[in-house]
Amino acid sequence: AAPGLLRGLSDPRIASALRSLHGDITRTWTVPDLAATAGMSRSAFFERFTRLVGRRPMEYLTTWRMAVARDLLRQGSLALDEVAARVGYGSASTFSTAFSRHTGQPPGRYAKAVLAEG
């Protein structure tokens, strides 16, 4: 099977880390935290996660947070600082920088474009 979420979920140790990460998106996760959740050393976890999921753990976390943020922005009912808090960012400015880097546009512009299509 190709690397991806389903392949990661098929491995019990990586699945444990993925469930934890998805279950507590606001936590300040580190690779050692996730490795401990999986019951593995940091280096073994990093290699296995990357091979099975196809992304480095923190890269996957950012991608997941941005997917959740896009969904929240599509709803159009939350202020930017609330979206930031719900996806694990301490401030709207830090979130905005990360969102812009990840999607290529600021969250406000993304939300306006989505609502205009709506």
C-alpha atoms as a PDB file:
ATOM      1  CA  ALA A   1       0.000   0.000   0.000  1.00  0.00           C
ATOM      2  CA  ALA A   2       1.104   3.551  -0.667  1.00  0.00           C
ATOM      3  CA  PRO A   3       2.147   5.661   2.326  1.00  0.00           C
ATOM      4  CA  GLY A   4      -0.688   7.589   3.925  1.00  0.00           C
ATOM      5  CA  LEU A   5      -3.034   7.821   6.882  1.00  0.00           C
ATOM      6  CA  LEU A   6      -4.635   4.415   6.290  1.00  0.00           C
ATOM      7  CA  ARG A   7      -1.261   2.714   6.102  1.00  0.00           C
ATOM      8  CA  GLY A   8      -0.237   4.442   9.326  1.00  0.00           C
ATOM      9  CA  LEU A   9      -3.443   3.322  11.004  1.00  0.00           C
ATOM     10  CA  SER A  10      -2.745  -0.275   9.991  1.00  0.00           C
ATOM     11  CA  ASP A  11       0.346  -0.297  12.243  1.00  0.00           C
ATOM     12  CA  PRO A  12      -0.728  -0.564  15.907  1.00  0.00           C
ATOM     13  CA  ARG A  13       2.087   1.616  17.269  1.00  0.00           C
ATOM     14  CA  ILE A  14       1.767   4.369  14.689  1.00  0.00           C
ATOM     15  CA  ALA A  15      -2.029   4.167  14.959  1.00  0.00           C
ATOM     16  CA  SER A  16      -1.750   4.848  18.688  1.00  0.00           C
ATOM     17  CA  ALA A  17       0.261   8.010  18.015  1.00  0.00           C
ATOM     18  CA  LEU A  18      -2.118   9.116  15.239  1.00  0.00           C
ATOM     19  CA  ARG A  19      -5.177   8.629  17.453  1.00  0.00           C
ATOM     20  CA  SER A  20      -3.519  10.653  20.213  1.00  0.00           C
ATOM     21  CA  LEU A  21      -2.512  13.421  17.820  1.00  0.00           C
ATOM     22  CA  HIS A  22      -5.988  13.590  16.250  1.00  0.00           C
ATOM     23  CA  GLY A  23      -7.646  13.406  19.657  1.00  0.00           C
ATOM     24  CA  ASP A  24      -5.736  16.347  21.132  1.00  0.00           C
ATOM     25  CA  ILE A  25      -4.898  18.696  18.258  1.00  0.00           C
ATOM     26  CA  THR A  26      -4.233  21.612  20.619  1.00  0.00           C
ATOM     27  CA  ARG A  27      -1.464  19.856  22.545  1.00  0.00           C
ATOM     28  CA  THR A  28       2.099  21.018  21.936  1.00  0.00           C
ATOM     29  CA  TRP A  29       3.213  17.688  20.482  1.00  0.00           C
ATOM     30  CA  THR A  30       6.837  16.710  20.028  1.00  0.00           C
ATOM     31  CA  VAL A  31       8.343  13.684  18.335  1.00  0.00           C
ATOM     32  CA  PRO A  32       9.445  12.303  21.738  1.00  0.00           C
ATOM     33  CA  ASP A  33       5.844  12.671  23.024  1.00  0.00           C
ATOM     34  CA  LEU A  34       4.456  10.797  20.035  1.00  0.00           C
ATOM     35  CA  ALA A  35       7.189   8.165  20.247  1.00  0.00           C
ATOM     36  CA  ALA A  36       6.322   7.572  23.907  1.00  0.00           C
ATOM     37  CA  THR A  37       2.641   7.212  22.964  1.00  0.00           C
ATOM     38  CA  ALA A  38       3.683   4.602  20.418  1.00  0.00           C
ATOM     39  CA  GLY A  39       5.992   2.859  22.897  1.00  0.00           C
ATOM     40  CA  MET A  40       9.021   3.388  20.658  1.00  0.00           C
ATOM     41  CA  SER A  41      12.318   5.211  20.660  1.00  0.00           C
ATOM     42  CA  ARG A  42      12.278   8.635  19.048  1.00  0.00           C
ATOM     43  CA  SER A  43      14.434   7.586  16.103  1.00  0.00           C
ATOM     44  CA  ALA A  44      12.567   4.332  15.433  1.00  0.00           C
ATOM     45  CA  PHE A  45       9.232   6.131  15.670  1.00  0.00           C
ATOM     46  CA  PHE A  46      10.338   8.938  13.347  1.00  0.00           C
ATOM     47  CA  GLU A  47      11.561   6.494  10.692  1.00  0.00           C
ATOM     48  CA  ARG A  48       8.515   4.230  10.903  1.00  0.00           C
ATOM     49  CA  PHE A  49       5.995   7.081  10.941  1.00  0.00           C
ATOM     50  CA  THR A  50       7.656   8.762   7.965  1.00  0.00           C
ATOM     51  CA  ARG A  51       7.834   5.522   5.996  1.00  0.00           C
ATOM     52  CA  LEU A  52       4.218   4.510   6.676  1.00  0.00           C
ATOM     53  CA  VAL A  53       2.455   7.879   6.628  1.00  0.00           C
ATOM     54  CA  GLY A  54       4.640   9.489   3.965  1.00  0.00           C
ATOM     55  CA  ARG A  55       5.307  12.651   6.004  1.00  0.00           C
ATOM     56  CA  ARG A  56       7.479  13.501   8.983  1.00  0.00           C
ATOM     57  CA  PRO A  57       5.440  13.565  12.226  1.00  0.00           C
ATOM     58  CA  MET A  58       5.479  17.354  12.734  1.00  0.00           C
ATOM     59  CA  GLU A  59       4.781  17.912   9.040  1.00  0.00           C
ATOM     60  CA  TYR A  60       1.765  15.602   9.364  1.00  0.00           C
ATOM     61  CA  LEU A  61       0.605  17.492  12.474  1.00  0.00           C
ATOM     62  CA  THR A  62       0.772  20.819  10.631  1.00  0.00           C
ATOM     63  CA  THR A  63      -1.104  19.380   7.655  1.00  0.00           C
ATOM     64  CA  TRP A  64      -3.805  18.002   9.967  1.00  0.00           C
ATOM     65  CA  ARG A  65      -4.106  21.294  11.855  1.00  0.00           C
ATOM     66  CA  MET A  66      -4.449  23.219   8.596  1.00  0.00           C
ATOM     67  CA  ALA A  67      -7.149  20.844   7.338  1.00  0.00           C
ATOM     68  CA  VAL A  68      -9.134  21.393  10.543  1.00  0.00           C
ATOM     69  CA  ALA A  69      -8.514  25.158  10.294  1.00  0.00           C
ATOM     70  CA  ARG A  70      -9.816  25.228   6.705  1.00  0.00           C
ATOM     71  CA  ASP A  71     -12.997  23.496   7.869  1.00  0.00           C
ATOM     72  CA  LEU A  72     -13.444  25.979  10.722  1.00  0.00           C
ATOM     73  CA  LEU A  73     -12.821  28.932   8.389  1.00  0.00           C
ATOM     74  CA  ARG A  74     -15.380  27.562   5.902  1.00  0.00           C
ATOM     75  CA  GLN A  75     -18.012  27.709   8.642  1.00  0.00           C
ATOM     76  CA  GLY A  76     -17.395  31.445   8.915  1.00  0.00           C
ATOM     77  CA  SER A  77     -18.666  31.698  12.482  1.00  0.00           C
ATOM     78  CA  LEU A  78     -15.410  31.913  14.465  1.00  0.00           C
ATOM     79  CA  ALA A  79     -12.976  34.758  14.964  1.00  0.00           C
ATOM     80  CA  LEU A  80      -9.436  34.136  13.775  1.00  0.00           C
ATOM     81  CA  ASP A  81      -8.058  33.886  17.321  1.00  0.00           C
ATOM     82  CA  GLU A  82     -10.644  31.206  18.129  1.00  0.00           C
ATOM     83  CA  VAL A  83      -9.715  29.193  15.028  1.00  0.00           C
ATOM     84  CA  ALA A  84      -6.059  29.539  16.027  1.00  0.00           C
ATOM     85  CA  ALA A  85      -6.763  28.277  19.547  1.00  0.00           C
ATOM     86  CA  ARG A  86      -8.840  25.334  18.311  1.00  0.00           C
ATOM     87  CA  VAL A  87      -6.004  24.077  16.126  1.00  0.00           C
ATOM     88  CA  GLY A  88      -3.238  24.507  18.683  1.00  0.00           C
ATOM     89  CA  TYR A  89      -1.771  27.947  18.024  1.00  0.00           C
ATOM     90  CA  GLY A  90      -1.174  30.393  20.864  1.00  0.00           C
ATOM     91  CA  SER A  91      -1.936  33.487  18.821  1.00  0.00           C
ATOM     92  CA  ALA A  92      -3.782  34.537  15.699  1.00  0.00           C
ATOM     93  CA  SER A  93      -0.582  35.978  14.219  1.00  0.00           C
ATOM     94  CA  THR A  94       1.385  32.734  14.644  1.00  0.00           C
ATOM     95  CA  PHE A  95      -1.517  30.794  13.158  1.00  0.00           C
ATOM     96  CA  SER A  96      -1.868  33.256  10.284  1.00  0.00           C
ATOM     97  CA  THR A  97       1.813  32.898   9.416  1.00  0.00           C
ATOM     98  CA  ALA A  98       1.621  29.094   9.490  1.00  0.00           C
ATOM     99  CA  PHE A  99      -1.640  29.047   7.498  1.00  0.00           C
ATOM    100  CA  SER A 100      -0.223  31.412   4.871  1.00  0.00           C
ATOM    101  CA  ARG A 101       2.928  29.316   4.553  1.00  0.00           C
ATOM    102  CA  HIS A 102       0.906  26.117   4.243  1.00  0.00           C
ATOM    103  CA  THR A 103      -1.878  27.263   1.899  1.00  0.00           C
ATOM    104  CA  GLY A 104      -0.312  30.203   0.096  1.00  0.00           C
ATOM    105  CA  GLN A 105      -2.844  32.730   1.358  1.00  0.00           C
ATOM    106  CA  PRO A 106      -3.771  34.329   4.693  1.00  0.00           C
ATOM    107  CA  PRO A 107      -6.698  32.778   6.583  1.00  0.00           C
ATOM    108  CA  GLY A 108      -8.859  35.892   6.228  1.00  0.00           C
ATOM    109  CA  ARG A 109      -8.529  35.862   2.448  1.00  0.00           C
ATOM    110  CA  TYR A 110      -9.172  32.103   2.387  1.00  0.00           C
ATOM    111  CA  ALA A 111     -12.348  32.512   4.466  1.00  0.00           C
ATOM    112  CA  LYS A 112     -13.652  35.367   2.305  1.00  0.00           C
ATOM    113  CA  ALA A 113     -13.007  33.407  -0.892  1.00  0.00           C
ATOM    114  CA  VAL A 114     -14.762  30.318   0.459  1.00  0.00           C
ATOM    115  CA  LEU A 115     -17.737  32.311   1.698  1.00  0.00           C
ATOM    116  CA  ALA A 116     -18.002  34.140  -1.638  1.00  0.00           C
ATOM    117  CA  GLU A 117     -18.164  30.782  -3.456  1.00  0.00           C
ATOM    118  CA  GLY A 118     -20.670  29.570  -0.977  1.00  0.00           C
END
